[in-house]
Amino acid sequence: MISLDDIKKTLKQIEKKIEHCPPPGADFIINRWGRDPFILLVYCILSLRTRDKLSVKIGLQLFDIIHTPEAFCEISVEKLTKIIHGVGFYKRKAIQIKKCAEIIVKKFCGNVPSSEEDLLSLPGVGRKTMNLVLQQAFLKPTFCVDTHVHRIANTLRFVQTKTPEQTEFALKNLLPKSLWTIVNRLLLVYGQSVCTSFKHQCSLLVENHQVKKLK
């Protein structure tokens, strides 16, 4: 099993590699709208199975029109579908987003809940979306594991898991809570921009589960 010291050394190398890489898509939303829990919730639903560049573009267009749970309750699914057309599964997401808004207004008095259980009870919200909202809106330490984080964590032998959910809990068990958000960001950006599943720019020499070289 790789040691915490080896992990920290690898993370320093990653930090240098991503120095000039684009930030995660959520950063653009936060820069425009702040850490609004509802906006980040909707953005994350939009971003599922959609490239950051497109989900950010459509998200910003959407939030310029409507950006509160109450406003989303009033808009028709048909109109919402037209606005978010382009993101993956946009028809299903339009229904999910509107239902989320209605539940948040009726059950939570217009405030996005800050507990795992309540967030996961919302339509279209899985562990990735739930963790992103907790981490970015409520500044709680957690791991928002997407396919990039899952792939890189396994490539680097930090964990040996088969699903993003398994990776989330394995990383939480492996690393101190103070590092969760930092490591999450490093693995995400590195997986999106450097060691991508298409470019295969990540070259590793692994011996005895210790990363010896990271090109």
C-alpha atoms as a PDB file:
ATOM      1  CA  MET A   1       0.000   0.000   0.000  1.00  0.00           C
ATOM      2  CA  ILE A   2       1.302   3.427  -0.923  1.00  0.00           C
ATOM      3  CA  SER A   3       2.342   5.556   2.037  1.00  0.00           C
ATOM      4  CA  LEU A   4       1.005   9.003   2.887  1.00  0.00           C
ATOM      5  CA  ASP A   5       4.491  10.456   2.306  1.00  0.00           C
ATOM      6  CA  ASP A   6       4.581   8.990  -1.222  1.00  0.00           C
ATOM      7  CA  ILE A   7       1.107  10.360  -1.897  1.00  0.00           C
ATOM      8  CA  LYS A   8       2.183  13.841  -0.798  1.00  0.00           C
ATOM      9  CA  LYS A   9       5.254  13.690  -3.065  1.00  0.00           C
ATOM     10  CA  THR A  10       3.097  12.690  -6.015  1.00  0.00           C
ATOM     11  CA  LEU A  11       0.610  15.450  -5.271  1.00  0.00           C
ATOM     12  CA  LYS A  12       3.425  18.021  -5.356  1.00  0.00           C
ATOM     13  CA  GLN A  13       4.363  16.768  -8.821  1.00  0.00           C
ATOM     14  CA  ILE A  14       0.752  16.986  -9.930  1.00  0.00           C
ATOM     15  CA  GLU A  15       0.496  20.512  -8.561  1.00  0.00           C
ATOM     16  CA  LYS A  16       3.350  21.584 -10.828  1.00  0.00           C
ATOM     17  CA  LYS A  17       1.839  19.826 -13.826  1.00  0.00           C
ATOM     18  CA  ILE A  18      -1.525  21.580 -13.530  1.00  0.00           C
ATOM     19  CA  GLU A  19      -0.159  25.031 -12.745  1.00  0.00           C
ATOM     20  CA  HIS A  20      -1.439  26.489 -16.021  1.00  0.00           C
ATOM     21  CA  CYS A  21      -4.431  24.202 -16.563  1.00  0.00           C
ATOM     22  CA  PRO A  22      -8.034  25.461 -16.653  1.00  0.00           C
ATOM     23  CA  PRO A  23      -9.838  25.318 -13.299  1.00  0.00           C
ATOM     24  CA  PRO A  24     -12.876  23.095 -12.688  1.00  0.00           C
ATOM     25  CA  GLY A  25     -16.126  24.304 -14.224  1.00  0.00           C
ATOM     26  CA  ALA A  26     -17.666  25.057 -10.834  1.00  0.00           C
ATOM     27  CA  ASP A  27     -15.076  27.820 -10.380  1.00  0.00           C
ATOM     28  CA  PHE A  28     -16.608  29.832 -13.233  1.00  0.00           C
ATOM     29  CA  ILE A  29     -20.060  29.535 -11.683  1.00  0.00           C
ATOM     30  CA  ILE A  30     -18.732  30.573  -8.259  1.00  0.00           C
ATOM     31  CA  ASN A  31     -16.853  33.521  -9.741  1.00  0.00           C
ATOM     32  CA  ARG A  32     -20.120  34.790 -11.249  1.00  0.00           C
ATOM     33  CA  TRP A  33     -22.686  33.858  -8.601  1.00  0.00           C
ATOM     34  CA  GLY A  34     -20.720  33.127  -5.455  1.00  0.00           C
ATOM     35  CA  ARG A  35     -21.213  29.955  -3.419  1.00  0.00           C
ATOM     36  CA  ASP A  36     -24.960  29.848  -3.908  1.00  0.00           C
ATOM     37  CA  PRO A  37     -26.066  26.305  -2.941  1.00  0.00           C
ATOM     38  CA  PHE A  38     -29.026  26.208  -5.333  1.00  0.00           C
ATOM     39  CA  ILE A  39     -27.082  27.478  -8.326  1.00  0.00           C
ATOM     40  CA  LEU A  40     -24.283  24.998  -7.659  1.00  0.00           C
ATOM     41  CA  LEU A  41     -26.822  22.205  -7.274  1.00  0.00           C
ATOM     42  CA  VAL A  42     -28.439  23.004 -10.612  1.00  0.00           C
ATOM     43  CA  TYR A  43     -25.050  23.445 -12.283  1.00  0.00           C
ATOM     44  CA  CYS A  44     -23.871  20.052 -11.108  1.00  0.00           C
ATOM     45  CA  ILE A  45     -27.005  18.360 -12.437  1.00  0.00           C
ATOM     46  CA  LEU A  46     -26.415  20.110 -15.768  1.00  0.00           C
ATOM     47  CA  SER A  47     -22.775  19.032 -15.840  1.00  0.00           C
ATOM     48  CA  LEU A  48     -23.411  15.304 -15.448  1.00  0.00           C
ATOM     49  CA  ARG A  49     -22.189  13.510 -18.589  1.00  0.00           C
ATOM     50  CA  THR A  50     -21.469  16.882 -20.192  1.00  0.00           C
ATOM     51  CA  ARG A  51     -18.137  18.587 -20.823  1.00  0.00           C
ATOM     52  CA  ASP A  52     -17.284  21.453 -18.484  1.00  0.00           C
ATOM     53  CA  LYS A  53     -17.017  24.003 -21.274  1.00  0.00           C
ATOM     54  CA  LEU A  54     -20.558  23.335 -22.462  1.00  0.00           C
ATOM     55  CA  SER A  55     -22.158  22.964 -19.024  1.00  0.00           C
ATOM     56  CA  VAL A  56     -20.572  26.236 -17.870  1.00  0.00           C
ATOM     57  CA  LYS A  57     -21.779  28.059 -20.991  1.00  0.00           C
ATOM     58  CA  ILE A  58     -25.347  26.792 -20.697  1.00  0.00           C
ATOM     59  CA  GLY A  59     -25.333  27.179 -16.918  1.00  0.00           C
ATOM     60  CA  LEU A  60     -24.358  30.843 -17.115  1.00  0.00           C
ATOM     61  CA  GLN A  61     -26.995  31.467 -19.779  1.00  0.00           C
ATOM     62  CA  LEU A  62     -29.621  29.770 -17.632  1.00  0.00           C
ATOM     63  CA  PHE A  63     -28.750  31.619 -14.425  1.00  0.00           C
ATOM     64  CA  ASP A  64     -28.853  34.962 -16.214  1.00  0.00           C
ATOM     65  CA  ILE A  65     -32.543  34.209 -16.838  1.00  0.00           C
ATOM     66  CA  ILE A  66     -33.536  32.477 -13.588  1.00  0.00           C
ATOM     67  CA  HIS A  67     -31.489  31.600 -10.532  1.00  0.00           C
ATOM     68  CA  THR A  68     -33.738  31.037  -7.516  1.00  0.00           C
ATOM     69  CA  PRO A  69     -35.759  27.971  -6.499  1.00  0.00           C
ATOM     70  CA  GLU A  70     -38.944  30.049  -6.639  1.00  0.00           C
ATOM     71  CA  ALA A  71     -38.224  31.139 -10.229  1.00  0.00           C
ATOM     72  CA  PHE A  72     -37.563  27.554 -11.288  1.00  0.00           C
ATOM     73  CA  CYS A  73     -40.915  26.546  -9.814  1.00  0.00           C
ATOM     74  CA  GLU A  74     -42.656  29.039 -12.076  1.00  0.00           C
ATOM     75  CA  ILE A  75     -40.903  28.211 -15.352  1.00  0.00           C
ATOM     76  CA  SER A  76     -42.411  25.464 -17.494  1.00  0.00           C
ATOM     77  CA  VAL A  77     -40.502  22.268 -18.164  1.00  0.00           C
ATOM     78  CA  GLU A  78     -40.826  22.988 -21.885  1.00  0.00           C
ATOM     79  CA  LYS A  79     -39.149  26.392 -21.597  1.00  0.00           C
ATOM     80  CA  LEU A  80     -36.475  25.044 -19.280  1.00  0.00           C
ATOM     81  CA  THR A  81     -35.786  22.235 -21.745  1.00  0.00           C
ATOM     82  CA  LYS A  82     -35.204  24.753 -24.533  1.00  0.00           C
ATOM     83  CA  ILE A  83     -32.788  26.806 -22.412  1.00  0.00           C
ATOM     84  CA  ILE A  84     -30.607  23.859 -21.384  1.00  0.00           C
ATOM     85  CA  HIS A  85     -30.770  22.118 -24.756  1.00  0.00           C
ATOM     86  CA  GLY A  86     -27.261  20.883 -25.524  1.00  0.00           C
ATOM     87  CA  VAL A  87     -26.291  19.307 -22.222  1.00  0.00           C
ATOM     88  CA  GLY A  88     -26.517  15.532 -22.011  1.00  0.00           C
ATOM     89  CA  PHE A  89     -29.994  14.171 -21.207  1.00  0.00           C
ATOM     90  CA  TYR A  90     -31.377  17.721 -21.159  1.00  0.00           C
ATOM     91  CA  LYS A  91     -35.037  16.638 -21.208  1.00  0.00           C
ATOM     92  CA  ARG A  92     -34.648  14.459 -18.123  1.00  0.00           C
ATOM     93  CA  LYS A  93     -32.526  17.083 -16.389  1.00  0.00           C
ATOM     94  CA  ALA A  94     -35.144  19.773 -16.966  1.00  0.00           C
ATOM     95  CA  ILE A  95     -37.717  17.638 -15.164  1.00  0.00           C
ATOM     96  CA  GLN A  96     -35.299  16.821 -12.341  1.00  0.00           C
ATOM     97  CA  ILE A  97     -34.242  20.439 -11.829  1.00  0.00           C
ATOM     98  CA  LYS A  98     -37.823  21.682 -11.674  1.00  0.00           C
ATOM     99  CA  LYS A  99     -38.773  18.942  -9.207  1.00  0.00           C
ATOM    100  CA  CYS A 100     -35.719  19.795  -7.087  1.00  0.00           C
ATOM    101  CA  ALA A 101     -36.807  23.427  -6.969  1.00  0.00           C
ATOM    102  CA  GLU A 102     -40.350  22.506  -5.965  1.00  0.00           C
ATOM    103  CA  ILE A 103     -39.179  20.223  -3.159  1.00  0.00           C
ATOM    104  CA  ILE A 104     -36.668  22.796  -1.902  1.00  0.00           C
ATOM    105  CA  VAL A 105     -39.372  25.470  -1.773  1.00  0.00           C
ATOM    106  CA  LYS A 106     -42.075  23.282  -0.203  1.00  0.00           C
ATOM    107  CA  LYS A 107     -40.046  21.042   2.106  1.00  0.00           C
ATOM    108  CA  PHE A 108     -36.988  23.153   2.902  1.00  0.00           C
ATOM    109  CA  CYS A 109     -38.474  26.671   2.825  1.00  0.00           C
ATOM    110  CA  GLY A 110     -36.468  27.655  -0.233  1.00  0.00           C
ATOM    111  CA  ASN A 111     -33.094  26.672   1.238  1.00  0.00           C
ATOM    112  CA  VAL A 112     -30.927  23.893  -0.140  1.00  0.00           C
ATOM    113  CA  PRO A 113     -30.362  21.366   2.661  1.00  0.00           C
ATOM    114  CA  SER A 114     -26.832  20.844   3.931  1.00  0.00           C
ATOM    115  CA  SER A 115     -27.049  17.204   5.014  1.00  0.00           C
ATOM    116  CA  GLU A 116     -26.130  14.174   2.908  1.00  0.00           C
ATOM    117  CA  GLU A 117     -29.455  12.464   3.544  1.00  0.00           C
ATOM    118  CA  ASP A 118     -31.584  15.442   2.526  1.00  0.00           C
ATOM    119  CA  LEU A 119     -29.524  16.238  -0.559  1.00  0.00           C
ATOM    120  CA  LEU A 120     -29.632  12.636  -1.745  1.00  0.00           C
ATOM    121  CA  SER A 121     -33.421  12.691  -1.419  1.00  0.00           C
ATOM    122  CA  LEU A 122     -33.646  15.268  -4.228  1.00  0.00           C
ATOM    123  CA  PRO A 123     -34.375  14.091  -7.807  1.00  0.00           C
ATOM    124  CA  GLY A 124     -31.264  13.626  -9.931  1.00  0.00           C
ATOM    125  CA  VAL A 125     -28.888  14.040  -6.995  1.00  0.00           C
ATOM    126  CA  GLY A 126     -26.323  11.292  -6.521  1.00  0.00           C
ATOM    127  CA  ARG A 127     -23.179  11.213  -4.435  1.00  0.00           C
ATOM    128  CA  LYS A 128     -21.159  13.313  -6.891  1.00  0.00           C
ATOM    129  CA  THR A 129     -23.691  16.163  -6.923  1.00  0.00           C
ATOM    130  CA  MET A 130     -24.285  15.906  -3.194  1.00  0.00           C
ATOM    131  CA  ASN A 131     -20.567  16.104  -2.438  1.00  0.00           C
ATOM    132  CA  LEU A 132     -19.993  19.013  -4.812  1.00  0.00           C
ATOM    133  CA  VAL A 133     -22.724  21.049  -3.102  1.00  0.00           C
ATOM    134  CA  LEU A 134     -21.401  20.217   0.369  1.00  0.00           C
ATOM    135  CA  GLN A 135     -17.831  21.005  -0.648  1.00  0.00           C
ATOM    136  CA  GLN A 136     -18.272  24.102  -2.785  1.00  0.00           C
ATOM    137  CA  ALA A 137     -21.408  25.708  -1.338  1.00  0.00           C
ATOM    138  CA  PHE A 138     -21.165  24.755   2.326  1.00  0.00           C
ATOM    139  CA  LEU A 139     -17.339  24.405   2.455  1.00  0.00           C
ATOM    140  CA  LYS A 140     -17.505  20.987   4.070  1.00  0.00           C
ATOM    141  CA  PRO A 141     -14.530  18.633   3.553  1.00  0.00           C
ATOM    142  CA  THR A 142     -15.500  15.743   1.325  1.00  0.00           C
ATOM    143  CA  PHE A 143     -14.602  14.032  -1.957  1.00  0.00           C
ATOM    144  CA  CYS A 144     -16.585  14.793  -5.100  1.00  0.00           C
ATOM    145  CA  VAL A 145     -15.539  11.806  -7.199  1.00  0.00           C
ATOM    146  CA  ASP A 146     -16.245  11.837 -10.916  1.00  0.00           C
ATOM    147  CA  THR A 147     -14.761   9.586 -13.597  1.00  0.00           C
ATOM    148  CA  HIS A 148     -11.553  11.668 -13.685  1.00  0.00           C
ATOM    149  CA  VAL A 149     -10.889  11.488  -9.951  1.00  0.00           C
ATOM    150  CA  HIS A 150     -11.791   7.789  -9.921  1.00  0.00           C
ATOM    151  CA  ARG A 151      -9.454   6.992 -12.812  1.00  0.00           C
ATOM    152  CA  ILE A 152      -6.476   9.013 -11.563  1.00  0.00           C
ATOM    153  CA  ALA A 153      -6.745   7.761  -7.976  1.00  0.00           C
ATOM    154  CA  ASN A 154      -6.537   4.209  -9.292  1.00  0.00           C
ATOM    155  CA  THR A 155      -3.831   4.951 -11.878  1.00  0.00           C
ATOM    156  CA  LEU A 156      -1.629   6.378  -9.141  1.00  0.00           C
ATOM    157  CA  ARG A 157      -2.363   3.383  -6.903  1.00  0.00           C
ATOM    158  CA  PHE A 158      -3.796   5.607  -4.189  1.00  0.00           C
ATOM    159  CA  VAL A 159      -6.725   3.198  -4.153  1.00  0.00           C
ATOM    160  CA  GLN A 160      -7.799   0.034  -5.896  1.00  0.00           C
ATOM    161  CA  THR A 161     -11.506   0.397  -6.509  1.00  0.00           C
ATOM    162  CA  LYS A 162     -14.058  -0.371  -9.186  1.00  0.00           C
ATOM    163  CA  THR A 163     -16.554   2.493  -8.850  1.00  0.00           C
ATOM    164  CA  PRO A 164     -16.451   6.233  -8.073  1.00  0.00           C
ATOM    165  CA  GLU A 165     -18.452   5.612  -4.903  1.00  0.00           C
ATOM    166  CA  GLN A 166     -15.897   3.067  -3.696  1.00  0.00           C
ATOM    167  CA  THR A 167     -13.143   5.540  -4.538  1.00  0.00           C
ATOM    168  CA  GLU A 168     -14.809   8.260  -2.472  1.00  0.00           C
ATOM    169  CA  PHE A 169     -14.880   6.162   0.680  1.00  0.00           C
ATOM    170  CA  ALA A 170     -11.420   4.658   0.053  1.00  0.00           C
ATOM    171  CA  LEU A 171      -9.855   8.119  -0.293  1.00  0.00           C
ATOM    172  CA  LYS A 172     -11.633   9.306   2.833  1.00  0.00           C
ATOM    173  CA  ASN A 173     -10.202   6.354   4.747  1.00  0.00           C
ATOM    174  CA  LEU A 174      -6.736   6.872   3.284  1.00  0.00           C
ATOM    175  CA  LEU A 175      -6.257  10.617   3.714  1.00  0.00           C
ATOM    176  CA  PRO A 176      -6.699  13.008   6.638  1.00  0.00           C
ATOM    177  CA  LYS A 177      -9.846  15.120   6.355  1.00  0.00           C
ATOM    178  CA  SER A 178      -7.755  18.300   6.100  1.00  0.00           C
ATOM    179  CA  LEU A 179      -6.489  17.128   2.688  1.00  0.00           C
ATOM    180  CA  TRP A 180      -9.748  15.942   1.139  1.00  0.00           C
ATOM    181  CA  THR A 181     -10.762  19.105  -0.722  1.00  0.00           C
ATOM    182  CA  ILE A 182      -7.201  19.912  -1.814  1.00  0.00           C
ATOM    183  CA  VAL A 183      -6.500  16.417  -3.132  1.00  0.00           C
ATOM    184  CA  ASN A 184      -9.919  16.303  -4.797  1.00  0.00           C
ATOM    185  CA  ARG A 185      -9.114  19.416  -6.827  1.00  0.00           C
ATOM    186  CA  LEU A 186      -5.629  18.230  -7.804  1.00  0.00           C
ATOM    187  CA  LEU A 187      -6.853  14.849  -9.051  1.00  0.00           C
ATOM    188  CA  LEU A 188      -9.790  16.429 -10.893  1.00  0.00           C
ATOM    189  CA  VAL A 189      -7.777  19.032 -12.805  1.00  0.00           C
ATOM    190  CA  TYR A 190      -4.978  16.565 -13.539  1.00  0.00           C
ATOM    191  CA  GLY A 191      -7.457  14.049 -14.922  1.00  0.00           C
ATOM    192  CA  GLN A 192      -9.305  16.637 -16.991  1.00  0.00           C
ATOM    193  CA  SER A 193      -6.326  18.410 -18.535  1.00  0.00           C
ATOM    194  CA  VAL A 194      -3.137  16.329 -18.309  1.00  0.00           C
ATOM    195  CA  CYS A 195      -3.699  12.606 -17.884  1.00  0.00           C
ATOM    196  CA  THR A 196      -6.929  12.379 -19.829  1.00  0.00           C
ATOM    197  CA  SER A 197      -8.612   9.187 -20.953  1.00  0.00           C
ATOM    198  CA  PHE A 198      -8.116  10.323 -24.562  1.00  0.00           C
ATOM    199  CA  LYS A 199      -4.593  11.758 -24.597  1.00  0.00           C
ATOM    200  CA  HIS A 200      -2.962   9.245 -22.251  1.00  0.00           C
ATOM    201  CA  GLN A 201      -0.350  11.801 -21.185  1.00  0.00           C
ATOM    202  CA  CYS A 202       0.208  10.142 -17.804  1.00  0.00           C
ATOM    203  CA  SER A 203       3.333   7.976 -17.805  1.00  0.00           C
ATOM    204  CA  LEU A 204       4.015   6.041 -14.602  1.00  0.00           C
ATOM    205  CA  LEU A 205       6.577   3.570 -13.397  1.00  0.00           C
ATOM    206  CA  VAL A 206       5.100   1.750 -10.448  1.00  0.00           C
ATOM    207  CA  GLU A 207       7.068  -0.630  -8.226  1.00  0.00           C
ATOM    208  CA  ASN A 208       5.793  -2.144  -5.007  1.00  0.00           C
ATOM    209  CA  HIS A 209       2.743   0.178  -5.178  1.00  0.00           C
ATOM    210  CA  GLN A 210       4.992   3.273  -4.920  1.00  0.00           C
ATOM    211  CA  VAL A 211       4.993   5.873  -7.665  1.00  0.00           C
ATOM    212  CA  LYS A 212       8.621   6.246  -8.777  1.00  0.00           C
ATOM    213  CA  LYS A 213       8.181   8.494 -11.779  1.00  0.00           C
ATOM    214  CA  LEU A 214       5.489  10.803 -13.046  1.00  0.00           C
ATOM    215  CA  LYS A 215       6.137  12.337 -16.434  1.00  0.00           C
END
